[in-house]
């Protein structure tokens, strides 16, 4: 299903950031999209989400893959965007992430490099570098230093 959603998203000029499916009385499909290479303030709009939503919805209705009753949510990835696939890890080399690692739990790390589509090297600080399979790097999101925003806001207030 991810490949089908990615194809539809990319054909419209957007990057697929994440797809989450949850069960229940009605299956829920959450799709996060972004503009390739975008920076802060250059991301997707509500209109962009509506365009992608219509395309994915048409495919879901035609294929019946989720059945007749489902909930589809299409949104931007947010400022602390998920880092899920190899291309995301590559795009954000040098940035900090929060990531759940085996035997370490949730840690803050810097992406050093992506060796191939399956392995990433992370800097954990204190001289510790680890090599981890992307399959084992769970729930990774970009780290935003909110103190930067507080400083810039106080400068503009003066």
N, C-alpha and C. Protein backbone atom coordinates (compact mmCIF):
# COMPACT_ATOMS: atom_id res chain seq x y z
N UNK A 1 0.81 -1.18 0.00
CA UNK A 1 0.00 0.00 0.00
C UNK A 1 0.87 1.26 0.00
N UNK A 2 1.98 1.24 0.71
CA UNK A 2 2.85 2.42 0.77
C UNK A 2 3.31 2.81 -0.63
N UNK A 3 3.68 1.83 -1.44
CA UNK A 3 4.14 2.12 -2.80
C UNK A 3 3.04 2.80 -3.61
N UNK A 4 1.81 2.36 -3.47
CA UNK A 4 0.70 2.97 -4.21
C UNK A 4 0.45 4.42 -3.76
N UNK A 5 0.49 4.64 -2.45
CA UNK A 5 0.29 6.00 -1.93
C UNK A 5 1.46 6.88 -2.38
N UNK A 6 2.68 6.34 -2.31
CA UNK A 6 3.85 7.11 -2.75
C UNK A 6 3.73 7.50 -4.22
N UNK A 7 3.34 6.55 -5.08
CA UNK A 7 3.20 6.85 -6.51
C UNK A 7 2.22 7.99 -6.75
N UNK A 8 1.09 7.95 -6.09
CA UNK A 8 0.09 9.00 -6.29
C UNK A 8 0.58 10.34 -5.75
N UNK A 9 1.23 10.31 -4.60
CA UNK A 9 1.74 11.53 -3.99
C UNK A 9 2.83 12.17 -4.86
N UNK A 10 3.78 11.35 -5.29
CA UNK A 10 4.89 11.87 -6.10
C UNK A 10 4.43 12.33 -7.48
N UNK A 11 3.42 11.68 -8.04
CA UNK A 11 2.92 12.11 -9.35
C UNK A 11 2.31 13.50 -9.29
N UNK A 12 1.94 13.94 -8.10
CA UNK A 12 1.38 15.28 -7.92
C UNK A 12 2.45 16.30 -7.49
N UNK A 13 3.70 15.84 -7.41
CA UNK A 13 4.80 16.74 -7.08
C UNK A 13 5.12 16.86 -5.60
N UNK A 14 4.65 15.92 -4.79
CA UNK A 14 4.91 15.96 -3.36
C UNK A 14 5.75 14.77 -2.93
N UNK A 15 6.33 14.89 -1.76
CA UNK A 15 7.12 13.82 -1.16
C UNK A 15 6.26 13.13 -0.10
N UNK A 16 6.25 11.80 -0.11
CA UNK A 16 5.57 11.06 0.95
C UNK A 16 6.51 10.98 2.14
N UNK A 17 6.05 11.48 3.28
CA UNK A 17 6.87 11.50 4.49
C UNK A 17 6.54 10.31 5.40
N UNK A 18 5.27 9.97 5.50
CA UNK A 18 4.88 8.90 6.40
C UNK A 18 3.49 8.39 6.05
N UNK A 19 3.26 7.13 6.32
CA UNK A 19 1.94 6.52 6.18
C UNK A 19 1.72 5.64 7.41
N UNK A 20 0.61 5.83 8.07
CA UNK A 20 0.25 5.01 9.24
C UNK A 20 -1.16 4.50 9.06
N UNK A 21 -1.35 3.21 9.27
CA UNK A 21 -2.68 2.62 9.18
C UNK A 21 -3.04 2.07 10.55
N UNK A 22 -4.25 2.41 10.99
CA UNK A 22 -4.75 1.91 12.27
C UNK A 22 -6.11 1.26 12.04
N UNK A 23 -6.36 0.20 12.79
CA UNK A 23 -7.63 -0.50 12.68
C UNK A 23 -8.65 0.05 13.66
N UNK A 24 -9.73 -0.64 13.79
CA UNK A 24 -10.83 -0.22 14.65
C UNK A 24 -12.14 -0.43 13.92
N UNK A 25 -13.19 0.25 14.38
CA UNK A 25 -14.48 0.14 13.68
C UNK A 25 -14.33 0.58 12.23
N UNK A 26 -13.55 1.64 12.05
CA UNK A 26 -13.22 2.11 10.71
C UNK A 26 -11.70 2.20 10.62
N UNK A 27 -11.15 1.69 9.56
CA UNK A 27 -9.71 1.79 9.37
C UNK A 27 -9.35 3.25 9.14
N UNK A 28 -8.25 3.67 9.75
CA UNK A 28 -7.76 5.03 9.60
C UNK A 28 -6.43 4.99 8.86
N UNK A 29 -6.28 5.83 7.85
CA UNK A 29 -5.04 5.94 7.11
C UNK A 29 -4.55 7.37 7.22
N UNK A 30 -3.41 7.54 7.86
CA UNK A 30 -2.81 8.87 8.02
C UNK A 30 -1.65 8.99 7.05
N UNK A 31 -1.69 10.03 6.23
CA UNK A 31 -0.67 10.27 5.21
C UNK A 31 -0.06 11.64 5.47
N UNK A 32 1.27 11.69 5.56
CA UNK A 32 1.96 12.97 5.73
C UNK A 32 2.77 13.25 4.48
N UNK A 33 2.63 14.48 3.99
CA UNK A 33 3.31 14.86 2.75
C UNK A 33 4.12 16.13 2.96
N UNK A 34 5.07 16.36 2.05
CA UNK A 34 5.87 17.58 2.08
C UNK A 34 6.25 17.94 0.65
N UNK A 35 6.80 19.11 0.48
CA UNK A 35 7.36 19.51 -0.81
C UNK A 35 8.81 19.06 -0.82
N UNK A 36 9.26 18.39 -1.86
CA UNK A 36 10.66 17.94 -1.90
C UNK A 36 11.62 19.11 -1.71
N UNK A 37 12.57 18.95 -0.79
CA UNK A 37 13.59 19.97 -0.56
C UNK A 37 13.12 21.23 0.12
N UNK A 38 11.90 21.23 0.64
CA UNK A 38 11.37 22.46 1.25
C UNK A 38 12.02 22.74 2.60
N UNK A 39 12.02 24.00 2.95
CA UNK A 39 12.49 24.44 4.26
C UNK A 39 11.34 24.98 5.07
N UNK A 40 11.64 25.52 6.25
CA UNK A 40 10.58 26.09 7.08
C UNK A 40 9.80 27.17 6.33
N UNK A 41 8.49 27.10 6.42
CA UNK A 41 7.64 28.07 5.76
C UNK A 41 7.40 27.82 4.29
N UNK A 42 7.99 26.76 3.75
CA UNK A 42 7.85 26.44 2.33
C UNK A 42 7.09 25.13 2.12
N UNK A 43 6.48 24.63 3.17
CA UNK A 43 5.84 23.33 3.12
C UNK A 43 4.49 23.33 2.43
N UNK A 44 3.73 22.30 2.73
CA UNK A 44 2.44 22.11 2.07
C UNK A 44 1.36 22.98 2.70
N UNK A 45 0.34 23.25 1.91
CA UNK A 45 -0.81 24.03 2.36
C UNK A 45 -2.01 23.10 2.53
N UNK A 46 -3.08 23.64 3.07
CA UNK A 46 -4.32 22.86 3.19
C UNK A 46 -4.83 22.47 1.81
N UNK A 47 -4.68 23.36 0.83
CA UNK A 47 -5.10 23.03 -0.54
C UNK A 47 -4.28 21.87 -1.11
N UNK A 48 -2.97 21.85 -0.82
CA UNK A 48 -2.12 20.75 -1.27
C UNK A 48 -2.60 19.43 -0.67
N UNK A 49 -2.92 19.47 0.63
CA UNK A 49 -3.40 18.26 1.30
C UNK A 49 -4.71 17.77 0.68
N UNK A 50 -5.58 18.70 0.30
CA UNK A 50 -6.85 18.33 -0.33
C UNK A 50 -6.62 17.67 -1.69
N UNK A 51 -5.68 18.17 -2.47
CA UNK A 51 -5.36 17.58 -3.78
C UNK A 51 -4.88 16.14 -3.61
N UNK A 52 -3.95 15.93 -2.68
CA UNK A 52 -3.42 14.58 -2.45
C UNK A 52 -4.52 13.69 -1.88
N UNK A 53 -5.32 14.22 -0.99
CA UNK A 53 -6.40 13.45 -0.39
C UNK A 53 -7.36 12.93 -1.46
N UNK A 54 -7.74 13.79 -2.40
CA UNK A 54 -8.66 13.35 -3.46
C UNK A 54 -8.04 12.23 -4.31
N UNK A 55 -6.75 12.34 -4.61
CA UNK A 55 -6.09 11.32 -5.43
C UNK A 55 -5.99 9.99 -4.70
N UNK A 56 -5.60 10.04 -3.43
CA UNK A 56 -5.49 8.80 -2.64
C UNK A 56 -6.87 8.20 -2.40
N UNK A 57 -7.84 9.04 -2.11
CA UNK A 57 -9.21 8.57 -1.88
C UNK A 57 -9.77 7.87 -3.11
N UNK A 58 -9.53 8.43 -4.29
CA UNK A 58 -10.02 7.79 -5.53
C UNK A 58 -9.43 6.40 -5.67
N UNK A 59 -8.14 6.25 -5.38
CA UNK A 59 -7.50 4.93 -5.46
C UNK A 59 -8.06 3.98 -4.40
N UNK A 60 -8.24 4.48 -3.17
CA UNK A 60 -8.77 3.64 -2.10
C UNK A 60 -10.18 3.15 -2.44
N UNK A 61 -11.01 4.03 -2.97
CA UNK A 61 -12.37 3.65 -3.33
C UNK A 61 -12.36 2.63 -4.46
N UNK A 62 -11.52 2.85 -5.46
CA UNK A 62 -11.45 1.96 -6.61
C UNK A 62 -10.88 0.60 -6.24
N UNK A 63 -9.82 0.58 -5.43
CA UNK A 63 -9.15 -0.68 -5.08
C UNK A 63 -9.88 -1.45 -3.99
N UNK A 64 -10.58 -0.73 -3.11
CA UNK A 64 -11.26 -1.39 -2.00
C UNK A 64 -10.31 -1.94 -0.95
N UNK A 65 -9.05 -1.54 -1.00
CA UNK A 65 -8.04 -2.11 -0.12
C UNK A 65 -8.35 -1.89 1.37
N UNK A 66 -9.03 -0.83 1.72
CA UNK A 66 -9.40 -0.58 3.12
C UNK A 66 -10.86 -0.87 3.40
N UNK A 67 -11.57 -1.38 2.43
CA UNK A 67 -12.99 -1.64 2.60
C UNK A 67 -13.81 -0.39 2.30
N UNK A 68 -15.11 -0.48 2.48
CA UNK A 68 -15.98 0.64 2.12
C UNK A 68 -15.98 1.79 3.12
N UNK A 69 -15.59 1.50 4.37
CA UNK A 69 -15.62 2.54 5.41
C UNK A 69 -14.22 2.75 5.96
N UNK A 70 -13.68 3.93 5.74
CA UNK A 70 -12.35 4.25 6.25
C UNK A 70 -12.27 5.76 6.49
N UNK A 71 -11.25 6.16 7.22
CA UNK A 71 -10.97 7.57 7.45
C UNK A 71 -9.60 7.86 6.86
N UNK A 72 -9.52 8.86 6.01
CA UNK A 72 -8.26 9.27 5.39
C UNK A 72 -7.90 10.65 5.90
N UNK A 73 -6.68 10.79 6.43
CA UNK A 73 -6.18 12.08 6.89
C UNK A 73 -4.89 12.38 6.13
N UNK A 74 -4.83 13.51 5.46
CA UNK A 74 -3.61 13.94 4.77
C UNK A 74 -3.18 15.25 5.40
N UNK A 75 -1.90 15.32 5.82
CA UNK A 75 -1.41 16.53 6.50
C UNK A 75 0.06 16.75 6.19
N UNK A 76 0.55 17.90 6.63
CA UNK A 76 1.98 18.18 6.54
C UNK A 76 2.69 17.37 7.62
N UNK A 77 4.00 17.22 7.51
CA UNK A 77 4.70 16.43 8.51
C UNK A 77 4.92 17.17 9.82
N UNK A 78 4.73 18.47 9.82
CA UNK A 78 4.99 19.26 11.02
C UNK A 78 6.48 19.57 11.14
N UNK A 79 6.82 20.43 12.08
CA UNK A 79 8.19 20.90 12.21
C UNK A 79 9.11 19.80 12.76
N UNK A 80 8.58 18.93 13.59
CA UNK A 80 9.35 17.79 14.10
C UNK A 80 8.98 16.56 13.27
N UNK A 81 9.25 16.66 11.98
CA UNK A 81 8.80 15.67 11.02
C UNK A 81 9.42 14.29 11.25
N UNK A 82 8.67 13.26 10.88
CA UNK A 82 9.20 11.90 10.97
C UNK A 82 10.35 11.69 9.99
N UNK A 83 11.30 10.88 10.41
CA UNK A 83 12.41 10.45 9.55
C UNK A 83 12.22 8.95 9.42
N UNK A 84 11.73 8.51 8.27
CA UNK A 84 11.30 7.12 8.17
C UNK A 84 12.11 6.29 7.18
N UNK A 85 12.33 6.83 6.00
CA UNK A 85 12.99 6.05 4.96
C UNK A 85 14.39 6.57 4.67
N UNK A 86 15.20 5.77 3.98
CA UNK A 86 16.61 6.11 3.72
C UNK A 86 16.76 7.50 3.13
N UNK A 87 15.90 7.90 2.20
CA UNK A 87 16.04 9.22 1.59
C UNK A 87 15.85 10.34 2.61
N UNK A 88 15.02 10.10 3.64
CA UNK A 88 14.85 11.09 4.70
C UNK A 88 16.13 11.20 5.53
N UNK A 89 16.69 10.06 5.89
CA UNK A 89 17.93 10.07 6.67
C UNK A 89 19.04 10.80 5.91
N UNK A 90 19.13 10.56 4.59
CA UNK A 90 20.15 11.24 3.78
C UNK A 90 19.91 12.75 3.74
N UNK A 91 18.66 13.13 3.51
CA UNK A 91 18.32 14.56 3.39
C UNK A 91 18.68 15.34 4.64
N UNK A 92 18.58 14.70 5.80
CA UNK A 92 18.80 15.39 7.05
C UNK A 92 20.11 15.01 7.74
N UNK A 93 21.11 14.54 6.96
CA UNK A 93 22.43 14.29 7.54
C UNK A 93 22.93 15.56 8.20
N UNK A 94 23.51 15.40 9.39
CA UNK A 94 24.00 16.56 10.15
C UNK A 94 22.97 17.13 11.10
N UNK A 95 21.71 16.73 10.98
CA UNK A 95 20.65 17.21 11.86
C UNK A 95 20.47 16.26 13.05
N UNK A 96 19.90 16.80 14.11
CA UNK A 96 19.59 15.99 15.28
C UNK A 96 18.22 15.34 15.14
N UNK A 97 18.12 14.12 15.65
CA UNK A 97 16.86 13.39 15.68
C UNK A 97 16.65 12.79 17.06
N UNK A 98 15.40 12.55 17.37
CA UNK A 98 15.05 11.69 18.51
C UNK A 98 14.67 10.36 17.88
N UNK A 99 15.25 9.30 18.39
CA UNK A 99 15.03 8.00 17.78
C UNK A 99 15.06 6.91 18.85
N UNK A 100 14.23 5.90 18.67
CA UNK A 100 14.20 4.77 19.58
C UNK A 100 15.13 3.70 19.02
N UNK A 101 16.15 3.33 19.81
CA UNK A 101 17.13 2.34 19.39
C UNK A 101 17.10 1.12 20.30
N UNK A 102 17.39 -0.06 19.75
CA UNK A 102 17.41 -1.27 20.58
C UNK A 102 18.42 -1.10 21.73
N UNK A 103 18.04 -1.53 22.90
CA UNK A 103 18.87 -1.50 24.11
C UNK A 103 19.18 -0.11 24.64
N UNK A 104 18.80 0.94 23.93
CA UNK A 104 19.08 2.30 24.39
C UNK A 104 17.81 3.10 24.67
N UNK A 105 16.70 2.66 24.08
CA UNK A 105 15.46 3.41 24.23
C UNK A 105 15.48 4.67 23.38
N UNK A 106 14.71 5.68 23.80
CA UNK A 106 14.60 6.94 23.04
C UNK A 106 15.82 7.80 23.36
N UNK A 107 16.58 8.17 22.33
CA UNK A 107 17.78 8.98 22.50
C UNK A 107 17.79 10.14 21.51
N UNK A 108 18.58 11.16 21.82
CA UNK A 108 18.82 12.25 20.89
C UNK A 108 20.17 11.96 20.23
N UNK A 109 20.21 12.05 18.90
CA UNK A 109 21.43 11.72 18.16
C UNK A 109 21.55 12.62 16.94
N UNK A 110 22.74 12.70 16.40
CA UNK A 110 22.98 13.44 15.16
C UNK A 110 23.21 12.43 14.04
N UNK A 111 22.58 12.65 12.90
CA UNK A 111 22.77 11.77 11.75
C UNK A 111 24.13 12.09 11.14
N UNK A 112 25.04 11.12 11.18
CA UNK A 112 26.38 11.32 10.63
C UNK A 112 26.38 11.02 9.15
N UNK A 113 25.91 9.83 8.79
CA UNK A 113 25.85 9.45 7.37
C UNK A 113 24.97 8.21 7.22
N UNK A 114 24.49 8.04 6.01
CA UNK A 114 23.72 6.85 5.66
C UNK A 114 24.64 6.00 4.80
N UNK A 115 24.92 4.80 5.25
CA UNK A 115 25.87 3.93 4.54
C UNK A 115 25.24 3.37 3.27
N UNK A 116 24.01 2.90 3.39
CA UNK A 116 23.25 2.41 2.24
C UNK A 116 21.78 2.53 2.60
N UNK A 117 20.91 1.93 1.83
CA UNK A 117 19.48 2.07 2.11
C UNK A 117 19.03 1.35 3.37
N UNK A 118 19.96 0.68 4.05
CA UNK A 118 19.59 -0.10 5.23
C UNK A 118 20.30 0.30 6.52
N UNK A 119 21.35 1.14 6.45
CA UNK A 119 22.18 1.39 7.63
C UNK A 119 22.51 2.88 7.77
N UNK A 120 22.41 3.38 9.01
CA UNK A 120 22.74 4.78 9.31
C UNK A 120 23.76 4.81 10.44
N UNK A 121 24.64 5.82 10.41
CA UNK A 121 25.59 6.05 11.48
C UNK A 121 25.10 7.27 12.26
N UNK A 122 24.99 7.11 13.59
CA UNK A 122 24.50 8.18 14.46
C UNK A 122 25.56 8.54 15.50
N UNK A 123 25.64 9.82 15.82
CA UNK A 123 26.51 10.33 16.88
C UNK A 123 25.64 10.54 18.11
N UNK A 124 25.96 9.83 19.18
CA UNK A 124 25.17 9.93 20.40
C UNK A 124 25.75 10.92 21.40
N UNK A 125 26.90 11.49 21.07
CA UNK A 125 27.56 12.40 22.00
C UNK A 125 28.52 11.63 22.89
N UNK A 126 29.28 12.34 23.68
CA UNK A 126 30.25 11.72 24.59
C UNK A 126 31.18 10.76 23.85
N UNK A 127 31.51 11.09 22.59
CA UNK A 127 32.44 10.25 21.83
C UNK A 127 31.85 8.94 21.34
N UNK A 128 30.55 8.81 21.39
CA UNK A 128 29.91 7.54 21.02
C UNK A 128 29.20 7.63 19.68
N UNK A 129 29.67 6.83 18.73
CA UNK A 129 29.06 6.73 17.41
C UNK A 129 28.54 5.30 17.27
N UNK A 130 27.32 5.16 16.76
CA UNK A 130 26.75 3.83 16.58
C UNK A 130 26.28 3.66 15.14
N UNK A 131 26.38 2.43 14.68
CA UNK A 131 25.87 2.06 13.36
C UNK A 131 24.63 1.22 13.59
N UNK A 132 23.52 1.64 12.98
CA UNK A 132 22.23 1.02 13.26
C UNK A 132 21.51 0.72 11.94
N UNK A 133 20.82 -0.41 11.89
CA UNK A 133 19.99 -0.68 10.73
C UNK A 133 18.78 0.25 10.79
N UNK A 134 18.34 0.73 9.64
CA UNK A 134 17.18 1.62 9.61
C UNK A 134 15.94 0.90 10.14
N UNK A 135 15.90 -0.40 9.99
CA UNK A 135 14.78 -1.17 10.53
C UNK A 135 14.71 -1.08 12.04
N UNK A 136 15.89 -0.95 12.69
CA UNK A 136 15.94 -0.86 14.16
C UNK A 136 15.81 0.57 14.67
N UNK A 137 15.95 1.56 13.80
CA UNK A 137 15.83 2.96 14.20
C UNK A 137 14.35 3.33 14.12
N UNK A 138 13.66 3.26 15.23
CA UNK A 138 12.21 3.42 15.27
C UNK A 138 11.76 4.81 15.70
N UNK A 139 10.62 5.24 15.19
CA UNK A 139 9.96 6.46 15.62
C UNK A 139 10.87 7.69 15.61
N UNK A 140 11.72 7.82 14.59
CA UNK A 140 12.64 8.95 14.52
C UNK A 140 11.92 10.21 14.06
N UNK A 141 12.24 11.32 14.72
CA UNK A 141 11.71 12.63 14.34
C UNK A 141 12.83 13.65 14.44
N UNK A 142 12.75 14.70 13.63
CA UNK A 142 13.71 15.79 13.73
C UNK A 142 13.58 16.46 15.09
N UNK A 143 14.70 16.94 15.61
CA UNK A 143 14.70 17.68 16.86
C UNK A 143 14.67 19.16 16.52
N UNK A 144 13.78 19.88 17.14
CA UNK A 144 13.71 21.33 16.98
C UNK A 144 14.15 21.95 18.30
N UNK A 145 15.11 22.83 18.23
CA UNK A 145 15.55 23.56 19.42
C UNK A 145 14.63 24.76 19.61
N UNK A 146 13.62 24.59 20.45
CA UNK A 146 12.61 25.62 20.63
C UNK A 146 13.19 26.88 21.23
N UNK A 147 14.33 26.78 21.91
CA UNK A 147 14.95 27.97 22.50
C UNK A 147 15.36 28.96 21.42
N UNK A 148 15.68 28.49 20.22
CA UNK A 148 16.01 29.38 19.11
C UNK A 148 14.81 30.28 18.78
N UNK A 149 13.64 29.71 18.81
CA UNK A 149 12.44 30.48 18.51
C UNK A 149 12.15 31.49 19.62
N UNK A 150 12.40 31.11 20.87
CA UNK A 150 12.18 32.02 21.98
C UNK A 150 13.11 33.22 21.88
N UNK A 151 14.39 33.01 21.53
CA UNK A 151 15.35 34.10 21.40
C UNK A 151 14.95 35.04 20.27
N UNK A 152 14.56 34.47 19.11
CA UNK A 152 14.21 35.33 17.98
C UNK A 152 12.94 36.13 18.27
N UNK A 153 12.03 35.55 19.03
CA UNK A 153 10.80 36.26 19.38
C UNK A 153 11.11 37.41 20.33
N UNK A 154 12.02 37.19 21.29
CA UNK A 154 12.34 38.26 22.25
C UNK A 154 13.11 39.39 21.56
N UNK A 155 13.89 39.08 20.51
CA UNK A 155 14.61 40.13 19.78
C UNK A 155 13.63 41.01 19.00
N UNK A 156 12.60 40.39 18.42
CA UNK A 156 11.64 41.17 17.65
C UNK A 156 10.70 41.96 18.54
N UNK A 157 10.55 41.54 19.78
CA UNK A 157 9.66 42.23 20.71
C UNK A 157 10.30 43.51 21.24
N UNK A 158 11.63 43.58 21.21
CA UNK A 158 12.33 44.76 21.75
C UNK A 158 12.41 45.87 20.75
